[in-house]
Amino acid sequence: MRIGKALQELHRSESALAVEFSRVAERYPREREVRHVAGDLAVWSRDHVREIVATAPRYRVDLSGPENPVPFEEERRELPDEDSDPELALLADLRRLYRMSGGVALDWDLLGQGAQAVADADLLVVADRCGPRSARQMRWARGMLKILSPQILAT
Protein backbone atom coordinates (compact mmCIF):
# COMPACT_ATOMS: atom_id res chain seq x y z
CA MET A 1 0.00 0.00 0.00
CA ARG A 2 1.40 3.39 -1.02
CA ILE A 3 -0.82 5.66 1.06
CA GLY A 4 2.11 6.22 3.42
CA LYS A 5 4.11 7.68 0.53
CA ALA A 6 1.20 9.95 -0.37
CA LEU A 7 1.01 11.12 3.24
CA GLN A 8 4.74 11.89 3.24
CA GLU A 9 4.44 13.97 0.07
CA LEU A 10 1.34 15.75 1.33
CA HIS A 11 3.14 16.52 4.59
CA ARG A 12 6.06 18.01 2.64
CA SER A 13 3.91 20.06 0.29
CA GLU A 14 1.46 21.32 2.96
CA SER A 15 4.39 22.31 5.17
CA ALA A 16 6.00 24.22 2.30
CA LEU A 17 2.66 25.87 1.47
CA ALA A 18 2.24 27.03 5.08
CA VAL A 19 5.70 28.59 4.98
CA GLU A 20 4.98 30.28 1.65
CA PHE A 21 1.62 31.70 2.76
CA SER A 22 3.29 33.09 5.90
CA ARG A 23 6.15 34.57 3.88
CA VAL A 24 3.74 36.29 1.49
CA ALA A 25 1.62 37.62 4.35
CA GLU A 26 4.71 39.17 5.96
CA ARG A 27 6.13 40.50 2.70
CA TYR A 28 3.12 42.70 1.84
CA PRO A 29 2.04 44.54 4.99
CA ARG A 30 0.32 47.31 2.97
CA GLU A 31 -1.82 44.89 0.99
CA ARG A 32 -4.40 44.33 3.70
CA GLU A 33 -6.24 41.40 2.11
CA VAL A 34 -3.02 39.65 1.15
CA ARG A 35 -1.56 40.14 4.63
CA HIS A 36 -4.63 38.98 6.53
CA VAL A 37 -5.97 36.23 4.30
CA ALA A 38 -2.59 34.73 3.45
CA GLY A 39 -1.86 34.59 7.18
CA ASP A 40 -5.14 32.79 7.82
CA LEU A 41 -4.49 30.37 4.96
CA ALA A 42 -1.07 29.56 6.42
CA VAL A 43 -2.89 28.52 9.61
CA TRP A 44 -5.11 26.21 7.56
CA SER A 45 -2.06 24.50 6.06
CA ARG A 46 -0.47 24.10 9.48
CA ASP A 47 -3.75 22.54 10.69
CA HIS A 48 -3.63 20.17 7.71
CA VAL A 49 -0.05 19.21 8.59
CA ARG A 50 -1.18 18.29 12.11
CA GLU A 51 -3.97 16.12 10.65
CA ILE A 52 -1.47 14.35 8.40
CA VAL A 53 0.94 13.76 11.30
CA ALA A 54 -1.88 12.29 13.40
CA THR A 55 -2.95 9.98 10.57
CA ALA A 56 0.47 8.81 9.39
CA PRO A 57 1.28 6.23 12.12
CA ARG A 58 -1.58 4.02 10.93
CA TYR A 59 0.40 3.67 7.70
CA ARG A 60 3.74 3.13 9.47
CA VAL A 61 4.95 6.63 8.62
CA ASP A 62 6.63 8.74 11.29
CA LEU A 63 6.20 12.45 10.63
CA SER A 64 6.55 13.56 14.23
CA GLY A 65 9.97 15.16 13.79
CA PRO A 66 10.50 18.90 13.47
CA GLU A 67 8.86 20.56 10.50
CA ASN A 68 11.56 21.56 8.07
CA PRO A 69 9.73 21.80 4.78
CA VAL A 70 11.73 21.47 1.64
CA PRO A 71 11.46 24.77 -0.25
CA PHE A 72 9.27 24.87 -3.31
CA GLU A 73 11.35 23.09 -5.93
CA GLU A 74 10.80 25.43 -8.83
CA GLU A 75 13.02 28.42 -9.37
CA ARG A 76 12.04 31.24 -7.01
CA ARG A 77 11.96 33.84 -9.77
CA GLU A 78 8.59 33.93 -11.49
CA LEU A 79 8.57 37.11 -13.59
CA PRO A 80 11.27 39.24 -15.21
CA ASP A 81 12.25 42.23 -13.02
CA GLU A 82 10.33 40.96 -9.99
CA ASP A 83 13.38 41.61 -7.83
CA SER A 84 13.22 45.32 -8.59
CA ASP A 85 9.46 45.80 -9.01
CA PRO A 86 7.35 45.19 -5.89
CA GLU A 87 4.10 44.94 -7.85
CA LEU A 88 5.53 42.26 -10.15
CA ALA A 89 6.89 40.53 -7.05
CA LEU A 90 3.35 40.40 -5.65
CA LEU A 91 2.04 38.84 -8.87
CA ALA A 92 4.91 36.35 -8.85
CA ASP A 93 4.22 35.38 -5.24
CA LEU A 94 0.51 34.93 -5.93
CA ARG A 95 1.31 32.79 -8.99
CA ARG A 96 3.55 30.62 -6.81
CA LEU A 97 0.82 30.29 -4.17
CA TYR A 98 -1.71 29.38 -6.85
CA ARG A 99 0.47 26.62 -8.29
CA MET A 100 1.52 25.26 -4.91
CA SER A 101 -2.02 25.24 -3.51
CA GLY A 102 -3.31 23.63 -6.71
CA GLY A 103 -0.83 20.80 -6.28
CA VAL A 104 -1.78 20.35 -2.64
CA ALA A 105 -5.50 20.35 -3.47
CA LEU A 106 -4.89 17.67 -6.10
CA ASP A 107 -2.90 15.60 -3.61
CA TRP A 108 -5.82 15.73 -1.16
CA ASP A 109 -8.13 14.51 -3.93
CA LEU A 110 -5.76 11.63 -4.66
CA LEU A 111 -5.48 10.74 -0.98
CA GLY A 112 -9.28 10.75 -0.70
CA GLN A 113 -9.50 8.35 -3.62
CA GLY A 114 -6.89 6.11 -1.98
CA ALA A 115 -8.82 6.21 1.30
CA GLN A 116 -11.93 5.04 -0.53
CA ALA A 117 -10.00 2.26 -2.25
CA VAL A 118 -8.71 0.86 1.05
CA ALA A 119 -11.97 1.59 2.88
CA ASP A 120 -10.30 3.82 5.49
CA ALA A 121 -13.22 5.92 6.71
CA ASP A 122 -11.06 7.94 9.11
CA LEU A 123 -8.61 8.93 6.39
CA LEU A 124 -11.49 9.81 4.11
CA VAL A 125 -12.89 12.15 6.77
CA VAL A 126 -9.51 13.91 6.97
CA ALA A 127 -9.29 14.21 3.18
CA ASP A 128 -12.87 15.48 2.99
CA ARG A 129 -12.14 18.09 5.66
CA CYS A 130 -8.78 19.31 4.35
CA GLY A 131 -9.21 18.93 0.60
CA PRO A 132 -11.91 21.56 0.15
CA ARG A 133 -9.96 24.05 2.24
CA SER A 134 -6.93 23.50 0.00
CA ALA A 135 -9.11 24.15 -3.03
CA ARG A 136 -10.28 27.39 -1.38
CA GLN A 137 -6.64 28.42 -0.91
CA MET A 138 -6.08 27.92 -4.63
CA ARG A 139 -9.24 29.86 -5.56
CA TRP A 140 -8.22 32.76 -3.31
CA ALA A 141 -4.80 33.02 -4.97
CA ARG A 142 -6.38 32.91 -8.43
CA GLY A 143 -8.97 35.50 -7.45
CA MET A 144 -6.28 37.85 -6.16
CA LEU A 145 -4.37 37.41 -9.41
CA LYS A 146 -7.48 38.32 -11.39
CA ILE A 147 -8.14 41.37 -9.22
CA LEU A 148 -4.59 42.73 -9.11
CA SER A 149 -3.14 41.78 -12.49
CA PRO A 150 -5.05 44.33 -14.64
CA GLN A 151 -3.89 47.32 -12.65
CA ILE A 152 -0.34 46.01 -12.27
CA LEU A 153 0.16 44.86 -15.84
CA ALA A 154 -1.43 47.93 -17.44
CA THR A 155 0.86 50.42 -15.71
C-alpha atoms as a PDB file:
ATOM      1  CA  MET A   1       0.000   0.000   0.000  1.00  0.00           C
ATOM      2  CA  ARG A   2       1.396   3.389  -1.019  1.00  0.00           C
ATOM      3  CA  ILE A   3      -0.825   5.656   1.060  1.00  0.00           C
ATOM      4  CA  GLY A   4       2.109   6.220   3.416  1.00  0.00           C
ATOM      5  CA  LYS A   5       4.114   7.684   0.530  1.00  0.00           C
ATOM      6  CA  ALA A   6       1.201   9.950  -0.374  1.00  0.00           C
ATOM      7  CA  LEU A   7       1.011  11.118   3.241  1.00  0.00           C
ATOM      8  CA  GLN A   8       4.737  11.889   3.241  1.00  0.00           C
ATOM      9  CA  GLU A   9       4.444  13.967   0.071  1.00  0.00           C
ATOM     10  CA  LEU A  10       1.344  15.755   1.325  1.00  0.00           C
ATOM     11  CA  HIS A  11       3.145  16.522   4.586  1.00  0.00           C
ATOM     12  CA  ARG A  12       6.060  18.005   2.641  1.00  0.00           C
ATOM     13  CA  SER A  13       3.906  20.061   0.291  1.00  0.00           C
ATOM     14  CA  GLU A  14       1.456  21.321   2.959  1.00  0.00           C
ATOM     15  CA  SER A  15       4.392  22.310   5.167  1.00  0.00           C
ATOM     16  CA  ALA A  16       6.003  24.218   2.301  1.00  0.00           C
ATOM     17  CA  LEU A  17       2.664  25.871   1.475  1.00  0.00           C
ATOM     18  CA  ALA A  18       2.236  27.029   5.077  1.00  0.00           C
ATOM     19  CA  VAL A  19       5.699  28.587   4.980  1.00  0.00           C
ATOM     20  CA  GLU A  20       4.985  30.277   1.652  1.00  0.00           C
ATOM     21  CA  PHE A  21       1.617  31.703   2.763  1.00  0.00           C
ATOM     22  CA  SER A  22       3.294  33.086   5.900  1.00  0.00           C
ATOM     23  CA  ARG A  23       6.146  34.565   3.877  1.00  0.00           C
ATOM     24  CA  VAL A  24       3.745  36.293   1.486  1.00  0.00           C
ATOM     25  CA  ALA A  25       1.616  37.617   4.351  1.00  0.00           C
ATOM     26  CA  GLU A  26       4.705  39.167   5.956  1.00  0.00           C
ATOM     27  CA  ARG A  27       6.127  40.496   2.697  1.00  0.00           C
ATOM     28  CA  TYR A  28       3.117  42.704   1.841  1.00  0.00           C
ATOM     29  CA  PRO A  29       2.038  44.535   4.988  1.00  0.00           C
ATOM     30  CA  ARG A  30       0.324  47.306   2.974  1.00  0.00           C
ATOM     31  CA  GLU A  31      -1.820  44.889   0.985  1.00  0.00           C
ATOM     32  CA  ARG A  32      -4.404  44.329   3.696  1.00  0.00           C
ATOM     33  CA  GLU A  33      -6.240  41.403   2.110  1.00  0.00           C
ATOM     34  CA  VAL A  34      -3.020  39.648   1.152  1.00  0.00           C
ATOM     35  CA  ARG A  35      -1.562  40.138   4.626  1.00  0.00           C
ATOM     36  CA  HIS A  36      -4.630  38.980   6.531  1.00  0.00           C
ATOM     37  CA  VAL A  37      -5.972  36.234   4.298  1.00  0.00           C
ATOM     38  CA  ALA A  38      -2.585  34.727   3.450  1.00  0.00           C
ATOM     39  CA  GLY A  39      -1.857  34.591   7.184  1.00  0.00           C
ATOM     40  CA  ASP A  40      -5.143  32.789   7.821  1.00  0.00           C
ATOM     41  CA  LEU A  41      -4.492  30.369   4.963  1.00  0.00           C
ATOM     42  CA  ALA A  42      -1.074  29.564   6.424  1.00  0.00           C
ATOM     43  CA  VAL A  43      -2.888  28.520   9.611  1.00  0.00           C
ATOM     44  CA  TRP A  44      -5.106  26.213   7.561  1.00  0.00           C
ATOM     45  CA  SER A  45      -2.060  24.501   6.057  1.00  0.00           C
ATOM     46  CA  ARG A  46      -0.468  24.103   9.478  1.00  0.00           C
ATOM     47  CA  ASP A  47      -3.749  22.536  10.688  1.00  0.00           C
ATOM     48  CA  HIS A  48      -3.625  20.168   7.709  1.00  0.00           C
ATOM     49  CA  VAL A  49      -0.053  19.206   8.586  1.00  0.00           C
ATOM     50  CA  ARG A  50      -1.181  18.286  12.110  1.00  0.00           C
ATOM     51  CA  GLU A  51      -3.966  16.123  10.650  1.00  0.00           C
ATOM     52  CA  ILE A  52      -1.470  14.348   8.400  1.00  0.00           C
ATOM     53  CA  VAL A  53       0.945  13.756  11.297  1.00  0.00           C
ATOM     54  CA  ALA A  54      -1.876  12.288  13.399  1.00  0.00           C
ATOM     55  CA  THR A  55      -2.955   9.975  10.573  1.00  0.00           C
ATOM     56  CA  ALA A  56       0.469   8.809   9.394  1.00  0.00           C
ATOM     57  CA  PRO A  57       1.277   6.225  12.121  1.00  0.00           C
ATOM     58  CA  ARG A  58      -1.578   4.022  10.926  1.00  0.00           C
ATOM     59  CA  TYR A  59       0.399   3.669   7.699  1.00  0.00           C
ATOM     60  CA  ARG A  60       3.740   3.129   9.469  1.00  0.00           C
ATOM     61  CA  VAL A  61       4.952   6.626   8.622  1.00  0.00           C
ATOM     62  CA  ASP A  62       6.627   8.739  11.287  1.00  0.00           C
ATOM     63  CA  LEU A  63       6.202  12.449  10.628  1.00  0.00           C
ATOM     64  CA  SER A  64       6.545  13.561  14.232  1.00  0.00           C
ATOM     65  CA  GLY A  65       9.966  15.165  13.788  1.00  0.00           C
ATOM     66  CA  PRO A  66      10.499  18.903  13.475  1.00  0.00           C
ATOM     67  CA  GLU A  67       8.859  20.562  10.505  1.00  0.00           C
ATOM     68  CA  ASN A  68      11.555  21.562   8.068  1.00  0.00           C
ATOM     69  CA  PRO A  69       9.731  21.800   4.776  1.00  0.00           C
ATOM     70  CA  VAL A  70      11.732  21.474   1.642  1.00  0.00           C
ATOM     71  CA  PRO A  71      11.462  24.769  -0.249  1.00  0.00           C
ATOM     72  CA  PHE A  72       9.270  24.869  -3.315  1.00  0.00           C
ATOM     73  CA  GLU A  73      11.349  23.089  -5.934  1.00  0.00           C
ATOM     74  CA  GLU A  74      10.801  25.431  -8.835  1.00  0.00           C
ATOM     75  CA  GLU A  75      13.018  28.419  -9.373  1.00  0.00           C
ATOM     76  CA  ARG A  76      12.043  31.238  -7.007  1.00  0.00           C
ATOM     77  CA  ARG A  77      11.965  33.843  -9.772  1.00  0.00           C
ATOM     78  CA  GLU A  78       8.590  33.934 -11.491  1.00  0.00           C
ATOM     79  CA  LEU A  79       8.570  37.114 -13.587  1.00  0.00           C
ATOM     80  CA  PRO A  80      11.267  39.238 -15.209  1.00  0.00           C
ATOM     81  CA  ASP A  81      12.246  42.231 -13.024  1.00  0.00           C
ATOM     82  CA  GLU A  82      10.327  40.957  -9.993  1.00  0.00           C
ATOM     83  CA  ASP A  83      13.382  41.607  -7.831  1.00  0.00           C
ATOM     84  CA  SER A  84      13.224  45.323  -8.594  1.00  0.00           C
ATOM     85  CA  ASP A  85       9.459  45.802  -9.010  1.00  0.00           C
ATOM     86  CA  PRO A  86       7.353  45.191  -5.885  1.00  0.00           C
ATOM     87  CA  GLU A  87       4.103  44.939  -7.853  1.00  0.00           C
ATOM     88  CA  LEU A  88       5.528  42.261 -10.151  1.00  0.00           C
ATOM     89  CA  ALA A  89       6.886  40.526  -7.049  1.00  0.00           C
ATOM     90  CA  LEU A  90       3.348  40.399  -5.654  1.00  0.00           C
ATOM     91  CA  LEU A  91       2.042  38.842  -8.870  1.00  0.00           C
ATOM     92  CA  ALA A  92       4.912  36.351  -8.847  1.00  0.00           C
ATOM     93  CA  ASP A  93       4.220  35.380  -5.239  1.00  0.00           C
ATOM     94  CA  LEU A  94       0.512  34.933  -5.928  1.00  0.00           C
ATOM     95  CA  ARG A  95       1.309  32.790  -8.985  1.00  0.00           C
ATOM     96  CA  ARG A  96       3.552  30.623  -6.814  1.00  0.00           C
ATOM     97  CA  LEU A  97       0.824  30.291  -4.168  1.00  0.00           C
ATOM     98  CA  TYR A  98      -1.710  29.381  -6.848  1.00  0.00           C
ATOM     99  CA  ARG A  99       0.469  26.621  -8.295  1.00  0.00           C
ATOM    100  CA  MET A 100       1.520  25.265  -4.907  1.00  0.00           C
ATOM    101  CA  SER A 101      -2.015  25.238  -3.508  1.00  0.00           C
ATOM    102  CA  GLY A 102      -3.311  23.635  -6.708  1.00  0.00           C
ATOM    103  CA  GLY A 103      -0.829  20.796  -6.283  1.00  0.00           C
ATOM    104  CA  VAL A 104      -1.783  20.346  -2.640  1.00  0.00           C
ATOM    105  CA  ALA A 105      -5.501  20.345  -3.472  1.00  0.00           C
ATOM    106  CA  LEU A 106      -4.891  17.673  -6.102  1.00  0.00           C
ATOM    107  CA  ASP A 107      -2.898  15.595  -3.612  1.00  0.00           C
ATOM    108  CA  TRP A 108      -5.821  15.727  -1.158  1.00  0.00           C
ATOM    109  CA  ASP A 109      -8.125  14.509  -3.934  1.00  0.00           C
ATOM    110  CA  LEU A 110      -5.762  11.627  -4.663  1.00  0.00           C
ATOM    111  CA  LEU A 111      -5.477  10.742  -0.979  1.00  0.00           C
ATOM    112  CA  GLY A 112      -9.281  10.753  -0.704  1.00  0.00           C
ATOM    113  CA  GLN A 113      -9.497   8.347  -3.624  1.00  0.00           C
ATOM    114  CA  GLY A 114      -6.893   6.113  -1.977  1.00  0.00           C
ATOM    115  CA  ALA A 115      -8.818   6.212   1.300  1.00  0.00           C
ATOM    116  CA  GLN A 116     -11.932   5.037  -0.531  1.00  0.00           C
ATOM    117  CA  ALA A 117     -10.002   2.256  -2.254  1.00  0.00           C
ATOM    118  CA  VAL A 118      -8.707   0.856   1.048  1.00  0.00           C
ATOM    119  CA  ALA A 119     -11.969   1.588   2.883  1.00  0.00           C
ATOM    120  CA  ASP A 120     -10.301   3.818   5.487  1.00  0.00           C
ATOM    121  CA  ALA A 121     -13.223   5.916   6.714  1.00  0.00           C
ATOM    122  CA  ASP A 122     -11.059   7.940   9.111  1.00  0.00           C
ATOM    123  CA  LEU A 123      -8.609   8.930   6.394  1.00  0.00           C
ATOM    124  CA  LEU A 124     -11.491   9.806   4.106  1.00  0.00           C
ATOM    125  CA  VAL A 125     -12.892  12.149   6.774  1.00  0.00           C
ATOM    126  CA  VAL A 126      -9.512  13.905   6.972  1.00  0.00           C
ATOM    127  CA  ALA A 127      -9.294  14.208   3.179  1.00  0.00           C
ATOM    128  CA  ASP A 128     -12.874  15.479   2.993  1.00  0.00           C
ATOM    129  CA  ARG A 129     -12.135  18.087   5.661  1.00  0.00           C
ATOM    130  CA  CYS A 130      -8.780  19.310   4.354  1.00  0.00           C
ATOM    131  CA  GLY A 131      -9.206  18.929   0.596  1.00  0.00           C
ATOM    132  CA  PRO A 132     -11.910  21.563   0.154  1.00  0.00           C
ATOM    133  CA  ARG A 133      -9.956  24.049   2.244  1.00  0.00           C
ATOM    134  CA  SER A 134      -6.931  23.504   0.003  1.00  0.00           C
ATOM    135  CA  ALA A 135      -9.115  24.151  -3.029  1.00  0.00           C
ATOM    136  CA  ARG A 136     -10.276  27.391  -1.380  1.00  0.00           C
ATOM    137  CA  GLN A 137      -6.644  28.418  -0.909  1.00  0.00           C
ATOM    138  CA  MET A 138      -6.080  27.924  -4.629  1.00  0.00           C
ATOM    139  CA  ARG A 139      -9.239  29.859  -5.561  1.00  0.00           C
ATOM    140  CA  TRP A 140      -8.222  32.757  -3.315  1.00  0.00           C
ATOM    141  CA  ALA A 141      -4.799  33.022  -4.974  1.00  0.00           C
ATOM    142  CA  ARG A 142      -6.381  32.911  -8.428  1.00  0.00           C
ATOM    143  CA  GLY A 143      -8.972  35.497  -7.448  1.00  0.00           C
ATOM    144  CA  MET A 144      -6.282  37.851  -6.164  1.00  0.00           C
ATOM    145  CA  LEU A 145      -4.370  37.411  -9.409  1.00  0.00           C
ATOM    146  CA  LYS A 146      -7.483  38.323 -11.387  1.00  0.00           C
ATOM    147  CA  ILE A 147      -8.135  41.375  -9.219  1.00  0.00           C
ATOM    148  CA  LEU A 148      -4.587  42.733  -9.112  1.00  0.00           C
ATOM    149  CA  SER A 149      -3.143  41.779 -12.493  1.00  0.00           C
ATOM    150  CA  PRO A 150      -5.049  44.328 -14.641  1.00  0.00           C
ATOM    151  CA  GLN A 151      -3.891  47.319 -12.651  1.00  0.00           C
ATOM    152  CA  ILE A 152      -0.341  46.014 -12.268  1.00  0.00           C
ATOM    153  CA  LEU A 153       0.158  44.857 -15.842  1.00  0.00           C
ATOM    154  CA  ALA A 154      -1.426  47.926 -17.444  1.00  0.00           C
ATOM    155  CA  THR A 155       0.860  50.419 -15.712  1.00  0.00           C
END
